[in-house]
Amino acid sequence: PAGAPAGPPGLVCVGVMDFHGSNDERDRAEEIHRRYLDGTTRFVRALVEDGRPVRLLTGDELDRPVADAVLDAVDSPLVTVAETASLADLMKEMSAAETVVATRYHNLVCALKTGTPTLALSYSAKSDSLMARMGLGAYCHPARETDADRLLGQFRELERRSAELRRALAERNLDATRRVERQFAALTAALFPAADHAHTLREAP
C-alpha cells in the first residue's frame, strides 16, 4: 500500500543452465558457455551488492555445477541454491520470489504460471514466443550473448513495472486457463458425444 514502510529487499530467483548453445554451434560451445556463466555471475554479484537475496534454481542435474560455480564466485551468504525435485518445488520457490530470471524453458513456464514478473535468458524461439504471448516480450535477453550490464538494466525496468506486470500476468494466466477448459470441453464433446448428450438430458428441467 502507498505510504507503507519498505520491507526487506525482495528475493530474486535465478534459474541457471549448463548452456553451451545449440548443436549447430559446437565449435563455439565453450566460448558460449563461458560468456553465459560470466554474465550470469556478474549479474548475481550486482544483485548481491544491492543487498538482494538470490536463490539459484536448476532444471536438470547437469545444471548443478553451474549453480555451484556462481555460488563460489560470488561467495556471499545472500546466495543460496534451491533443492528442487519437481515442478511443484520449482513453482513454490518462484512463488516466493519478487522477480525471476530463467533460462530453461520449463523454468520459464513455471515462473510465468506463478504470475511472478520474469526475465528470460532466452536460447530458443519458443521462449521468445512464450514471453511475447504473456506480454513480456521486452524482457528477453539472448543467453548466447549474456551481457550483465544490459541484463541488469532490463531487470531494473522489469522491477519498476512489477505491480503492473503481476496484474497483467494474472489476467493472461486466467485467459489461458479458460482457453484450456474450453478446448477440453470441446474435446470431450467430440470424443464422448453420447455421454455429453446424456449429461445434457439429465440437466434439462
N, C-alpha and C. Protein backbone atom coordinates (compact mmCIF):
# COMPACT_ATOMS: atom_id res chain seq x y z
N PRO A 1 0.82 -1.21 0.00
CA PRO A 1 0.00 0.00 0.00
C PRO A 1 0.85 1.26 0.00
N ALA A 2 0.31 2.35 -0.54
CA ALA A 2 1.05 3.61 -0.60
C ALA A 2 1.35 4.08 0.81
N GLY A 3 2.58 4.57 1.01
CA GLY A 3 2.95 5.09 2.32
C GLY A 3 3.44 4.03 3.28
N ALA A 4 3.30 2.75 2.94
CA ALA A 4 3.76 1.69 3.84
C ALA A 4 5.28 1.67 3.82
N PRO A 5 5.91 1.34 4.98
CA PRO A 5 7.37 1.29 5.00
C PRO A 5 7.87 0.17 4.10
N ALA A 6 9.01 0.41 3.47
CA ALA A 6 9.58 -0.61 2.59
C ALA A 6 10.03 -1.81 3.40
N GLY A 7 9.74 -3.00 2.90
CA GLY A 7 10.17 -4.21 3.57
C GLY A 7 11.61 -4.53 3.20
N PRO A 8 12.08 -5.70 3.62
CA PRO A 8 13.43 -6.10 3.25
C PRO A 8 13.52 -6.33 1.74
N PRO A 9 14.73 -6.24 1.19
CA PRO A 9 14.88 -6.43 -0.26
C PRO A 9 14.29 -7.77 -0.70
N GLY A 10 13.55 -7.75 -1.80
CA GLY A 10 12.85 -8.96 -2.25
C GLY A 10 13.79 -10.00 -2.84
N LEU A 11 13.38 -11.25 -2.69
CA LEU A 11 14.14 -12.39 -3.20
C LEU A 11 14.10 -12.42 -4.73
N VAL A 12 15.24 -12.73 -5.33
CA VAL A 12 15.32 -12.93 -6.77
C VAL A 12 15.70 -14.39 -7.03
N CYS A 13 14.89 -15.09 -7.81
CA CYS A 13 15.24 -16.46 -8.23
C CYS A 13 15.94 -16.37 -9.59
N VAL A 14 17.10 -17.00 -9.68
CA VAL A 14 17.84 -17.02 -10.94
C VAL A 14 18.02 -18.48 -11.36
N GLY A 15 17.35 -18.85 -12.44
CA GLY A 15 17.45 -20.21 -12.96
C GLY A 15 18.65 -20.32 -13.89
N VAL A 16 19.59 -21.20 -13.54
CA VAL A 16 20.79 -21.36 -14.36
C VAL A 16 20.73 -22.66 -15.16
N MET A 17 21.60 -22.75 -16.16
CA MET A 17 21.57 -23.89 -17.08
C MET A 17 22.99 -24.22 -17.55
N ASP A 18 23.23 -25.48 -17.78
CA ASP A 18 24.51 -25.90 -18.36
C ASP A 18 24.44 -25.62 -19.87
N PHE A 19 24.52 -24.33 -20.19
CA PHE A 19 24.23 -23.87 -21.55
C PHE A 19 25.50 -23.75 -22.39
N HIS A 20 25.49 -24.43 -23.54
CA HIS A 20 26.62 -24.39 -24.47
C HIS A 20 26.17 -24.04 -25.89
N GLY A 21 24.96 -23.49 -26.04
CA GLY A 21 24.45 -23.21 -27.37
C GLY A 21 23.79 -24.44 -27.97
N SER A 22 23.51 -24.37 -29.28
CA SER A 22 22.83 -25.47 -29.96
C SER A 22 23.84 -26.42 -30.59
N ASN A 23 23.33 -27.52 -31.16
CA ASN A 23 24.20 -28.48 -31.84
C ASN A 23 24.95 -27.85 -33.02
N ASP A 24 24.33 -26.83 -33.62
CA ASP A 24 24.97 -26.15 -34.76
C ASP A 24 26.13 -25.25 -34.32
N GLU A 25 26.27 -25.08 -33.01
CA GLU A 25 27.29 -24.15 -32.50
C GLU A 25 28.38 -24.88 -31.71
N ARG A 26 28.57 -26.14 -32.01
CA ARG A 26 29.53 -26.94 -31.23
C ARG A 26 30.94 -26.36 -31.27
N ASP A 27 31.30 -25.73 -32.39
CA ASP A 27 32.65 -25.16 -32.49
C ASP A 27 32.83 -23.96 -31.56
N ARG A 28 31.71 -23.39 -31.11
CA ARG A 28 31.77 -22.23 -30.19
C ARG A 28 31.23 -22.57 -28.81
N ALA A 29 30.99 -23.84 -28.55
CA ALA A 29 30.28 -24.25 -27.33
C ALA A 29 30.93 -23.72 -26.05
N GLU A 30 32.24 -23.85 -25.94
CA GLU A 30 32.92 -23.41 -24.71
C GLU A 30 32.90 -21.89 -24.57
N GLU A 31 33.07 -21.21 -25.69
CA GLU A 31 33.02 -19.74 -25.67
C GLU A 31 31.63 -19.26 -25.23
N ILE A 32 30.58 -19.88 -25.78
CA ILE A 32 29.20 -19.53 -25.42
C ILE A 32 28.97 -19.80 -23.94
N HIS A 33 29.44 -20.96 -23.46
CA HIS A 33 29.25 -21.32 -22.05
C HIS A 33 29.96 -20.33 -21.13
N ARG A 34 31.20 -19.98 -21.48
CA ARG A 34 31.97 -19.04 -20.63
C ARG A 34 31.27 -17.69 -20.56
N ARG A 35 30.77 -17.24 -21.71
CA ARG A 35 30.10 -15.93 -21.72
C ARG A 35 28.82 -15.97 -20.89
N TYR A 36 28.06 -17.05 -21.02
CA TYR A 36 26.83 -17.21 -20.24
C TYR A 36 27.14 -17.25 -18.74
N LEU A 37 28.13 -18.05 -18.36
CA LEU A 37 28.48 -18.19 -16.94
C LEU A 37 29.03 -16.89 -16.38
N ASP A 38 29.90 -16.23 -17.13
CA ASP A 38 30.48 -14.97 -16.67
C ASP A 38 29.40 -13.90 -16.52
N GLY A 39 28.52 -13.78 -17.52
CA GLY A 39 27.46 -12.78 -17.45
C GLY A 39 26.50 -13.03 -16.31
N THR A 40 26.13 -14.30 -16.12
CA THR A 40 25.22 -14.65 -15.03
C THR A 40 25.86 -14.38 -13.68
N THR A 41 27.14 -14.72 -13.54
CA THR A 41 27.86 -14.49 -12.28
C THR A 41 27.93 -13.01 -11.97
N ARG A 42 28.27 -12.21 -12.96
CA ARG A 42 28.37 -10.76 -12.74
C ARG A 42 27.00 -10.17 -12.40
N PHE A 43 25.96 -10.68 -13.02
CA PHE A 43 24.60 -10.22 -12.72
C PHE A 43 24.23 -10.53 -11.28
N VAL A 44 24.48 -11.77 -10.84
CA VAL A 44 24.17 -12.16 -9.46
C VAL A 44 24.99 -11.33 -8.48
N ARG A 45 26.26 -11.09 -8.80
CA ARG A 45 27.10 -10.28 -7.91
C ARG A 45 26.53 -8.86 -7.77
N ALA A 46 26.03 -8.30 -8.87
CA ALA A 46 25.44 -6.95 -8.82
C ALA A 46 24.19 -6.94 -7.94
N LEU A 47 23.38 -8.00 -8.02
CA LEU A 47 22.19 -8.08 -7.16
C LEU A 47 22.60 -8.12 -5.70
N VAL A 48 23.62 -8.91 -5.38
CA VAL A 48 24.10 -9.03 -4.00
C VAL A 48 24.64 -7.69 -3.50
N GLU A 49 25.33 -6.96 -4.38
CA GLU A 49 25.84 -5.64 -3.99
C GLU A 49 24.71 -4.67 -3.67
N ASP A 50 23.53 -4.93 -4.25
CA ASP A 50 22.33 -4.13 -3.94
C ASP A 50 21.61 -4.67 -2.70
N GLY A 51 22.16 -5.71 -2.08
CA GLY A 51 21.56 -6.28 -0.88
C GLY A 51 20.45 -7.27 -1.14
N ARG A 52 20.35 -7.75 -2.38
CA ARG A 52 19.25 -8.66 -2.72
C ARG A 52 19.63 -10.12 -2.42
N PRO A 53 18.76 -10.86 -1.74
CA PRO A 53 18.97 -12.30 -1.61
C PRO A 53 18.68 -12.97 -2.95
N VAL A 54 19.52 -13.93 -3.33
CA VAL A 54 19.39 -14.61 -4.62
C VAL A 54 19.30 -16.11 -4.39
N ARG A 55 18.29 -16.72 -4.99
CA ARG A 55 18.10 -18.17 -4.90
C ARG A 55 18.37 -18.75 -6.29
N LEU A 56 19.41 -19.57 -6.39
CA LEU A 56 19.74 -20.19 -7.68
C LEU A 56 18.91 -21.44 -7.87
N LEU A 57 18.31 -21.56 -9.05
CA LEU A 57 17.47 -22.72 -9.38
C LEU A 57 18.09 -23.49 -10.54
N THR A 58 17.92 -24.80 -10.50
CA THR A 58 18.36 -25.65 -11.61
C THR A 58 17.13 -26.34 -12.19
N GLY A 59 17.29 -26.88 -13.40
CA GLY A 59 16.17 -27.59 -14.01
C GLY A 59 16.57 -28.98 -14.44
N ASP A 60 17.85 -29.32 -14.17
CA ASP A 60 18.40 -30.61 -14.57
C ASP A 60 19.65 -30.81 -13.71
N GLU A 61 19.99 -32.07 -13.43
CA GLU A 61 21.18 -32.33 -12.60
C GLU A 61 22.45 -31.78 -13.25
N LEU A 62 22.45 -31.66 -14.58
CA LEU A 62 23.61 -31.10 -15.29
C LEU A 62 23.84 -29.63 -14.94
N ASP A 63 22.80 -28.97 -14.44
CA ASP A 63 22.90 -27.54 -14.14
C ASP A 63 23.58 -27.27 -12.79
N ARG A 64 23.66 -28.27 -11.94
CA ARG A 64 24.16 -28.04 -10.58
C ARG A 64 25.59 -27.48 -10.56
N PRO A 65 26.52 -28.00 -11.39
CA PRO A 65 27.86 -27.40 -11.39
C PRO A 65 27.86 -25.91 -11.76
N VAL A 66 26.93 -25.50 -12.60
CA VAL A 66 26.82 -24.08 -12.97
C VAL A 66 26.39 -23.27 -11.75
N ALA A 67 25.38 -23.77 -11.03
CA ALA A 67 24.92 -23.10 -9.81
C ALA A 67 26.05 -23.02 -8.79
N ASP A 68 26.79 -24.11 -8.64
CA ASP A 68 27.91 -24.13 -7.67
C ASP A 68 29.00 -23.15 -8.07
N ALA A 69 29.25 -23.04 -9.38
CA ALA A 69 30.28 -22.11 -9.87
C ALA A 69 29.90 -20.66 -9.56
N VAL A 70 28.62 -20.32 -9.75
CA VAL A 70 28.14 -18.97 -9.44
C VAL A 70 28.23 -18.73 -7.93
N LEU A 71 27.79 -19.72 -7.17
CA LEU A 71 27.82 -19.64 -5.70
C LEU A 71 29.25 -19.37 -5.20
N ASP A 72 30.21 -20.14 -5.71
CA ASP A 72 31.60 -19.99 -5.28
C ASP A 72 32.19 -18.66 -5.71
N ALA A 73 31.87 -18.23 -6.93
CA ALA A 73 32.44 -16.99 -7.46
C ALA A 73 31.92 -15.76 -6.72
N VAL A 74 30.63 -15.74 -6.40
CA VAL A 74 30.05 -14.58 -5.73
C VAL A 74 30.38 -14.61 -4.24
N ASP A 75 30.39 -15.81 -3.66
CA ASP A 75 30.84 -16.01 -2.28
C ASP A 75 30.14 -15.07 -1.29
N SER A 76 28.82 -15.19 -1.24
CA SER A 76 28.03 -14.35 -0.33
C SER A 76 26.96 -15.18 0.34
N PRO A 77 26.69 -14.93 1.63
CA PRO A 77 25.60 -15.65 2.30
C PRO A 77 24.23 -15.31 1.73
N LEU A 78 24.16 -14.25 0.92
CA LEU A 78 22.88 -13.88 0.30
C LEU A 78 22.51 -14.82 -0.85
N VAL A 79 23.48 -15.60 -1.34
CA VAL A 79 23.24 -16.50 -2.47
C VAL A 79 23.13 -17.94 -1.98
N THR A 80 22.02 -18.59 -2.32
CA THR A 80 21.81 -19.99 -1.94
C THR A 80 21.32 -20.76 -3.17
N VAL A 81 21.45 -22.08 -3.09
CA VAL A 81 20.98 -22.95 -4.17
C VAL A 81 19.77 -23.74 -3.68
N ALA A 82 18.67 -23.68 -4.41
CA ALA A 82 17.45 -24.41 -4.03
C ALA A 82 17.60 -25.89 -4.36
N GLU A 83 17.04 -26.73 -3.52
CA GLU A 83 16.98 -28.17 -3.79
C GLU A 83 15.57 -28.46 -4.30
N THR A 84 15.43 -28.63 -5.59
CA THR A 84 14.10 -28.87 -6.18
C THR A 84 14.08 -30.23 -6.86
N ALA A 85 13.06 -31.02 -6.52
CA ALA A 85 12.95 -32.36 -7.10
C ALA A 85 11.77 -32.48 -8.06
N SER A 86 10.99 -31.42 -8.19
CA SER A 86 9.79 -31.50 -9.03
C SER A 86 9.41 -30.10 -9.53
N LEU A 87 8.49 -30.06 -10.49
CA LEU A 87 7.99 -28.76 -10.96
C LEU A 87 7.26 -28.03 -9.84
N ALA A 88 6.60 -28.80 -8.97
CA ALA A 88 5.89 -28.19 -7.83
C ALA A 88 6.89 -27.48 -6.92
N ASP A 89 8.06 -28.11 -6.70
CA ASP A 89 9.10 -27.47 -5.89
C ASP A 89 9.58 -26.18 -6.54
N LEU A 90 9.79 -26.25 -7.85
CA LEU A 90 10.23 -25.06 -8.59
C LEU A 90 9.22 -23.92 -8.45
N MET A 91 7.95 -24.26 -8.62
CA MET A 91 6.90 -23.23 -8.56
C MET A 91 6.78 -22.64 -7.16
N LYS A 92 7.02 -23.47 -6.14
CA LYS A 92 6.99 -22.96 -4.76
C LYS A 92 8.09 -21.93 -4.56
N GLU A 93 9.29 -22.24 -5.07
CA GLU A 93 10.41 -21.29 -4.96
C GLU A 93 10.08 -19.99 -5.70
N MET A 94 9.55 -20.12 -6.91
CA MET A 94 9.28 -18.94 -7.73
C MET A 94 8.14 -18.09 -7.17
N SER A 95 7.18 -18.74 -6.54
CA SER A 95 6.06 -18.01 -5.94
C SER A 95 6.53 -17.10 -4.82
N ALA A 96 7.62 -17.51 -4.16
CA ALA A 96 8.15 -16.74 -3.03
C ALA A 96 9.03 -15.58 -3.49
N ALA A 97 9.34 -15.54 -4.78
CA ALA A 97 10.27 -14.52 -5.30
C ALA A 97 9.55 -13.25 -5.70
N GLU A 98 10.29 -12.15 -5.64
CA GLU A 98 9.77 -10.89 -6.16
C GLU A 98 9.91 -10.85 -7.68
N THR A 99 11.01 -11.44 -8.15
CA THR A 99 11.31 -11.47 -9.58
C THR A 99 12.05 -12.76 -9.91
N VAL A 100 11.85 -13.27 -11.13
CA VAL A 100 12.55 -14.47 -11.59
C VAL A 100 13.32 -14.15 -12.86
N VAL A 101 14.54 -14.69 -12.94
CA VAL A 101 15.31 -14.67 -14.18
C VAL A 101 15.52 -16.14 -14.54
N ALA A 102 15.01 -16.58 -15.68
CA ALA A 102 15.01 -18.01 -16.00
C ALA A 102 15.66 -18.27 -17.35
N THR A 103 16.34 -19.42 -17.45
CA THR A 103 16.95 -19.83 -18.72
C THR A 103 16.20 -21.01 -19.32
N ARG A 104 16.15 -22.13 -18.61
CA ARG A 104 15.48 -23.32 -19.16
C ARG A 104 14.00 -23.03 -19.43
N TYR A 105 13.51 -23.59 -20.53
CA TYR A 105 12.13 -23.32 -20.95
C TYR A 105 11.13 -23.72 -19.88
N HIS A 106 11.29 -24.90 -19.27
CA HIS A 106 10.27 -25.30 -18.28
C HIS A 106 10.36 -24.46 -17.01
N ASN A 107 11.54 -23.90 -16.70
CA ASN A 107 11.62 -22.96 -15.59
C ASN A 107 10.85 -21.68 -15.93
N LEU A 108 10.95 -21.28 -17.17
CA LEU A 108 10.25 -20.09 -17.64
C LEU A 108 8.73 -20.30 -17.55
N VAL A 109 8.26 -21.46 -18.00
CA VAL A 109 6.83 -21.78 -17.93
C VAL A 109 6.35 -21.74 -16.48
N CYS A 110 7.11 -22.36 -15.58
CA CYS A 110 6.74 -22.39 -14.16
C CYS A 110 6.67 -20.98 -13.58
N ALA A 111 7.66 -20.16 -13.89
CA ALA A 111 7.70 -18.80 -13.37
C ALA A 111 6.49 -18.00 -13.82
N LEU A 112 6.17 -18.08 -15.12
CA LEU A 112 5.03 -17.32 -15.65
C LEU A 112 3.72 -17.83 -15.08
N LYS A 113 3.64 -19.13 -14.85
CA LYS A 113 2.42 -19.72 -14.30
C LYS A 113 2.17 -19.22 -12.87
N THR A 114 3.24 -18.93 -12.13
CA THR A 114 3.06 -18.40 -10.77
C THR A 114 2.68 -16.92 -10.79
N GLY A 115 2.80 -16.28 -11.97
CA GLY A 115 2.45 -14.86 -12.06
C GLY A 115 3.54 -13.93 -11.57
N THR A 116 4.76 -14.46 -11.41
CA THR A 116 5.88 -13.66 -10.94
C THR A 116 6.55 -12.96 -12.13
N PRO A 117 6.79 -11.64 -12.04
CA PRO A 117 7.48 -10.95 -13.14
C PRO A 117 8.78 -11.67 -13.49
N THR A 118 8.98 -11.93 -14.78
CA THR A 118 10.05 -12.82 -15.21
C THR A 118 10.84 -12.24 -16.38
N LEU A 119 12.15 -12.42 -16.30
CA LEU A 119 13.05 -12.05 -17.38
C LEU A 119 13.63 -13.34 -17.93
N ALA A 120 13.61 -13.51 -19.24
CA ALA A 120 14.09 -14.75 -19.86
C ALA A 120 15.50 -14.57 -20.42
N LEU A 121 16.41 -15.44 -19.97
CA LEU A 121 17.69 -15.60 -20.66
C LEU A 121 17.40 -16.61 -21.76
N SER A 122 17.03 -16.11 -22.91
CA SER A 122 16.41 -16.95 -23.94
C SER A 122 17.42 -17.55 -24.90
N TYR A 123 17.19 -18.83 -25.23
CA TYR A 123 18.05 -19.52 -26.19
C TYR A 123 17.26 -20.13 -27.34
N SER A 124 15.93 -19.89 -27.38
CA SER A 124 15.12 -20.50 -28.44
C SER A 124 13.93 -19.63 -28.79
N ALA A 125 13.41 -19.85 -29.99
CA ALA A 125 12.25 -19.10 -30.47
C ALA A 125 11.03 -19.37 -29.59
N LYS A 126 10.92 -20.60 -29.04
CA LYS A 126 9.73 -20.90 -28.23
C LYS A 126 9.73 -20.09 -26.94
N SER A 127 10.91 -19.80 -26.39
CA SER A 127 10.98 -18.95 -25.19
C SER A 127 10.55 -17.53 -25.54
N ASP A 128 11.06 -17.01 -26.66
CA ASP A 128 10.68 -15.66 -27.09
C ASP A 128 9.18 -15.57 -27.35
N SER A 129 8.63 -16.60 -27.98
CA SER A 129 7.21 -16.63 -28.31
C SER A 129 6.35 -16.65 -27.05
N LEU A 130 6.75 -17.48 -26.08
CA LEU A 130 6.01 -17.56 -24.82
C LEU A 130 6.03 -16.22 -24.10
N MET A 131 7.19 -15.59 -24.03
CA MET A 131 7.31 -14.30 -23.35
C MET A 131 6.44 -13.25 -24.04
N ALA A 132 6.44 -13.25 -25.37
CA ALA A 132 5.62 -12.29 -26.12
C ALA A 132 4.14 -12.51 -25.83
N ARG A 133 3.74 -13.79 -25.79
CA ARG A 133 2.34 -14.14 -25.54
C ARG A 133 1.89 -13.67 -24.16
N MET A 134 2.82 -13.65 -23.21
CA MET A 134 2.48 -13.24 -21.84
C MET A 134 2.72 -11.75 -21.61
N GLY A 135 3.01 -11.01 -22.69
CA GLY A 135 3.19 -9.57 -22.57
C GLY A 135 4.55 -9.15 -22.05
N LEU A 136 5.53 -10.06 -22.11
CA LEU A 136 6.86 -9.77 -21.57
C LEU A 136 7.94 -9.84 -22.66
N GLY A 137 7.55 -9.59 -23.89
CA GLY A 137 8.49 -9.69 -25.00
C GLY A 137 9.72 -8.80 -24.85
N ALA A 138 9.56 -7.67 -24.15
CA ALA A 138 10.68 -6.74 -23.97
C ALA A 138 11.71 -7.26 -22.97
N TYR A 139 11.35 -8.33 -22.28
CA TYR A 139 12.22 -8.83 -21.20
C TYR A 139 12.86 -10.17 -21.56
N CYS A 140 13.27 -10.28 -22.82
CA CYS A 140 14.07 -11.43 -23.28
C CYS A 140 15.51 -10.95 -23.47
N HIS A 141 16.44 -11.77 -23.03
CA HIS A 141 17.87 -11.44 -23.17
C HIS A 141 18.55 -12.65 -23.79
N PRO A 142 19.34 -12.48 -24.85
CA PRO A 142 19.94 -13.65 -25.51
C PRO A 142 20.95 -14.37 -24.62
N ALA A 143 20.68 -15.63 -24.31
CA ALA A 143 21.57 -16.41 -23.45
C ALA A 143 22.96 -16.55 -24.07
N ARG A 144 23.01 -16.59 -25.41
CA ARG A 144 24.29 -16.76 -26.10
C ARG A 144 25.19 -15.53 -25.96
N GLU A 145 24.57 -14.40 -25.68
CA GLU A 145 25.31 -13.13 -25.61
C GLU A 145 25.02 -12.44 -24.29
N THR A 146 25.08 -13.20 -23.21
CA THR A 146 24.74 -12.66 -21.90
C THR A 146 25.64 -11.48 -21.55
N ASP A 147 25.01 -10.34 -21.33
CA ASP A 147 25.72 -9.11 -21.00
C ASP A 147 25.16 -8.62 -19.67
N ALA A 148 25.97 -8.71 -18.62
CA ALA A 148 25.48 -8.43 -17.27
C ALA A 148 24.90 -7.02 -17.14
N ASP A 149 25.55 -6.03 -17.75
CA ASP A 149 25.08 -4.65 -17.62
C ASP A 149 23.72 -4.47 -18.28
N ARG A 150 23.59 -5.01 -19.48
CA ARG A 150 22.30 -4.88 -20.19
C ARG A 150 21.22 -5.68 -19.48
N LEU A 151 21.59 -6.86 -18.99
CA LEU A 151 20.65 -7.70 -18.25
C LEU A 151 20.16 -6.98 -17.01
N LEU A 152 21.08 -6.32 -16.32
CA LEU A 152 20.71 -5.58 -15.11
C LEU A 152 19.76 -4.43 -15.44
N GLY A 153 19.99 -3.77 -16.57
CA GLY A 153 19.10 -2.69 -16.99
C GLY A 153 17.70 -3.21 -17.26
N GLN A 154 17.60 -4.34 -17.97
CA GLN A 154 16.29 -4.95 -18.24
C GLN A 154 15.61 -5.38 -16.93
N PHE A 155 16.41 -5.94 -16.03
CA PHE A 155 15.90 -6.40 -14.74
C PHE A 155 15.31 -5.23 -13.95
N ARG A 156 16.02 -4.12 -13.91
CA ARG A 156 15.54 -2.96 -13.13
C ARG A 156 14.27 -2.37 -13.74
N GLU A 157 14.20 -2.36 -15.05
CA GLU A 157 12.97 -1.88 -15.70
C GLU A 157 11.80 -2.81 -15.39
N LEU A 158 12.06 -4.12 -15.43
CA LEU A 158 11.03 -5.12 -15.08
C LEU A 158 10.52 -4.88 -13.67
N GLU A 159 11.44 -4.63 -12.74
CA GLU A 159 11.04 -4.43 -11.34
C GLU A 159 10.27 -3.13 -11.15
N ARG A 160 10.62 -2.11 -11.92
CA ARG A 160 9.87 -0.84 -11.82
C ARG A 160 8.40 -1.04 -12.21
N ARG A 161 8.16 -2.00 -13.11
CA ARG A 161 6.80 -2.25 -13.59
C ARG A 161 6.16 -3.47 -12.89
N SER A 162 6.74 -3.89 -11.79
CA SER A 162 6.35 -5.16 -11.16
C SER A 162 4.85 -5.28 -10.88
N ALA A 163 4.27 -4.27 -10.23
CA ALA A 163 2.85 -4.35 -9.85
C ALA A 163 1.97 -4.46 -11.10
N GLU A 164 2.26 -3.64 -12.09
CA GLU A 164 1.50 -3.65 -13.36
C GLU A 164 1.63 -5.02 -14.05
N LEU A 165 2.85 -5.56 -14.07
CA LEU A 165 3.09 -6.84 -14.76
C LEU A 165 2.45 -8.01 -14.02
N ARG A 166 2.43 -7.95 -12.69
CA ARG A 166 1.75 -9.01 -11.92
C ARG A 166 0.27 -9.06 -12.27
N ARG A 167 -0.35 -7.88 -12.39
CA ARG A 167 -1.77 -7.83 -12.76
C ARG A 167 -1.97 -8.40 -14.17
N ALA A 168 -1.10 -8.00 -15.09
CA ALA A 168 -1.22 -8.48 -16.48
C ALA A 168 -1.02 -9.99 -16.57
N LEU A 169 -0.05 -10.52 -15.82
CA LEU A 169 0.19 -11.96 -15.83
C LEU A 169 -0.99 -12.73 -15.26
N ALA A 170 -1.59 -12.19 -14.19
CA ALA A 170 -2.76 -12.84 -13.59
C ALA A 170 -3.89 -12.94 -14.62
N GLU A 171 -4.10 -11.85 -15.36
CA GLU A 171 -5.16 -11.84 -16.39
C GLU A 171 -4.86 -12.83 -17.51
N ARG A 172 -3.61 -12.85 -17.95
CA ARG A 172 -3.25 -13.76 -19.06
C ARG A 172 -3.29 -15.22 -18.63
N ASN A 173 -2.90 -15.48 -17.38
CA ASN A 173 -2.99 -16.86 -16.88
C ASN A 173 -4.44 -17.31 -16.79
N LEU A 174 -5.33 -16.38 -16.37
CA LEU A 174 -6.75 -16.70 -16.29
C LEU A 174 -7.31 -16.98 -17.68
N ASP A 175 -6.94 -16.15 -18.65
CA ASP A 175 -7.37 -16.36 -20.03
C ASP A 175 -6.90 -17.72 -20.55
N ALA A 176 -5.65 -18.06 -20.24
CA ALA A 176 -5.08 -19.33 -20.70
C ALA A 176 -5.82 -20.51 -20.08
N THR A 177 -6.16 -20.39 -18.79
CA THR A 177 -6.90 -21.45 -18.10
C THR A 177 -8.27 -21.64 -18.74
N ARG A 178 -8.94 -20.53 -19.02
CA ARG A 178 -10.27 -20.62 -19.64
C ARG A 178 -10.19 -21.23 -21.04
N ARG A 179 -9.13 -20.86 -21.76
CA ARG A 179 -8.95 -21.40 -23.12
C ARG A 179 -8.75 -22.91 -23.07
N VAL A 180 -7.94 -23.37 -22.12
CA VAL A 180 -7.69 -24.81 -21.97
C VAL A 180 -8.99 -25.53 -21.59
N GLU A 181 -9.77 -24.92 -20.69
CA GLU A 181 -11.04 -25.53 -20.27
C GLU A 181 -12.00 -25.65 -21.45
N ARG A 182 -12.05 -24.61 -22.29
CA ARG A 182 -12.92 -24.66 -23.47
C ARG A 182 -12.46 -25.75 -24.45
N GLN A 183 -11.13 -25.84 -24.63
CA GLN A 183 -10.60 -26.87 -25.52
C GLN A 183 -10.91 -28.27 -24.99
N PHE A 184 -10.81 -28.42 -23.66
CA PHE A 184 -11.08 -29.72 -23.04
C PHE A 184 -12.56 -30.08 -23.20
N ALA A 185 -13.43 -29.09 -23.01
CA ALA A 185 -14.87 -29.33 -23.16
C ALA A 185 -15.20 -29.72 -24.60
N ALA A 186 -14.58 -29.03 -25.56
CA ALA A 186 -14.82 -29.35 -26.97
C ALA A 186 -14.30 -30.74 -27.31
N LEU A 187 -13.15 -31.08 -26.75
CA LEU A 187 -12.56 -32.40 -26.99
C LEU A 187 -13.44 -33.50 -26.39
N THR A 188 -13.94 -33.25 -25.18
CA THR A 188 -14.82 -34.23 -24.52
C THR A 188 -16.09 -34.45 -25.33
N ALA A 189 -16.66 -33.34 -25.82
CA ALA A 189 -17.89 -33.44 -26.62
C ALA A 189 -17.64 -34.21 -27.92
N ALA A 190 -16.45 -34.01 -28.50
CA ALA A 190 -16.13 -34.70 -29.76
C ALA A 190 -15.86 -36.19 -29.54
N LEU A 191 -15.19 -36.51 -28.43
CA LEU A 191 -14.81 -37.90 -28.17
C LEU A 191 -15.93 -38.72 -27.54
N PHE A 192 -16.75 -38.04 -26.72
CA PHE A 192 -17.81 -38.75 -26.00
C PHE A 192 -19.16 -38.08 -26.21
N PRO A 193 -19.62 -38.01 -27.46
CA PRO A 193 -20.88 -37.28 -27.74
C PRO A 193 -22.08 -37.86 -27.01
N ALA A 194 -22.14 -39.19 -26.87
CA ALA A 194 -23.29 -39.82 -26.20
C ALA A 194 -23.33 -39.43 -24.74
N ALA A 195 -22.17 -39.47 -24.09
CA ALA A 195 -22.09 -39.11 -22.67
C ALA A 195 -22.47 -37.65 -22.49
N ASP A 196 -22.00 -36.80 -23.41
CA ASP A 196 -22.30 -35.38 -23.33
C ASP A 196 -23.80 -35.16 -23.51
N HIS A 197 -24.42 -35.92 -24.43
CA HIS A 197 -25.86 -35.80 -24.69
C HIS A 197 -26.65 -36.25 -23.46
N ALA A 198 -26.21 -37.34 -22.86
CA ALA A 198 -26.90 -37.85 -21.67
C ALA A 198 -26.81 -36.84 -20.54
N HIS A 199 -25.61 -36.21 -20.41
CA HIS A 199 -25.40 -35.21 -19.35
C HIS A 199 -26.35 -34.03 -19.56
N THR A 200 -26.51 -33.63 -20.83
CA THR A 200 -27.40 -32.51 -21.16
C THR A 200 -28.84 -32.86 -20.81
N LEU A 201 -29.26 -34.10 -21.13
CA LEU A 201 -30.62 -34.54 -20.82
C LEU A 201 -30.87 -34.54 -19.32
N ARG A 202 -29.88 -35.01 -18.55
CA ARG A 202 -30.05 -35.06 -17.10
C ARG A 202 -30.21 -33.66 -16.52
N GLU A 203 -29.51 -32.68 -17.15
CA GLU A 203 -29.56 -31.33 -16.61
C GLU A 203 -30.81 -30.57 -17.07
N ALA A 204 -31.50 -31.10 -18.09
CA ALA A 204 -32.68 -30.40 -18.61
C ALA A 204 -33.77 -30.36 -17.54
N PRO A 205 -34.49 -29.25 -17.42
CA PRO A 205 -35.55 -29.16 -16.39
C PRO A 205 -36.72 -30.07 -16.73
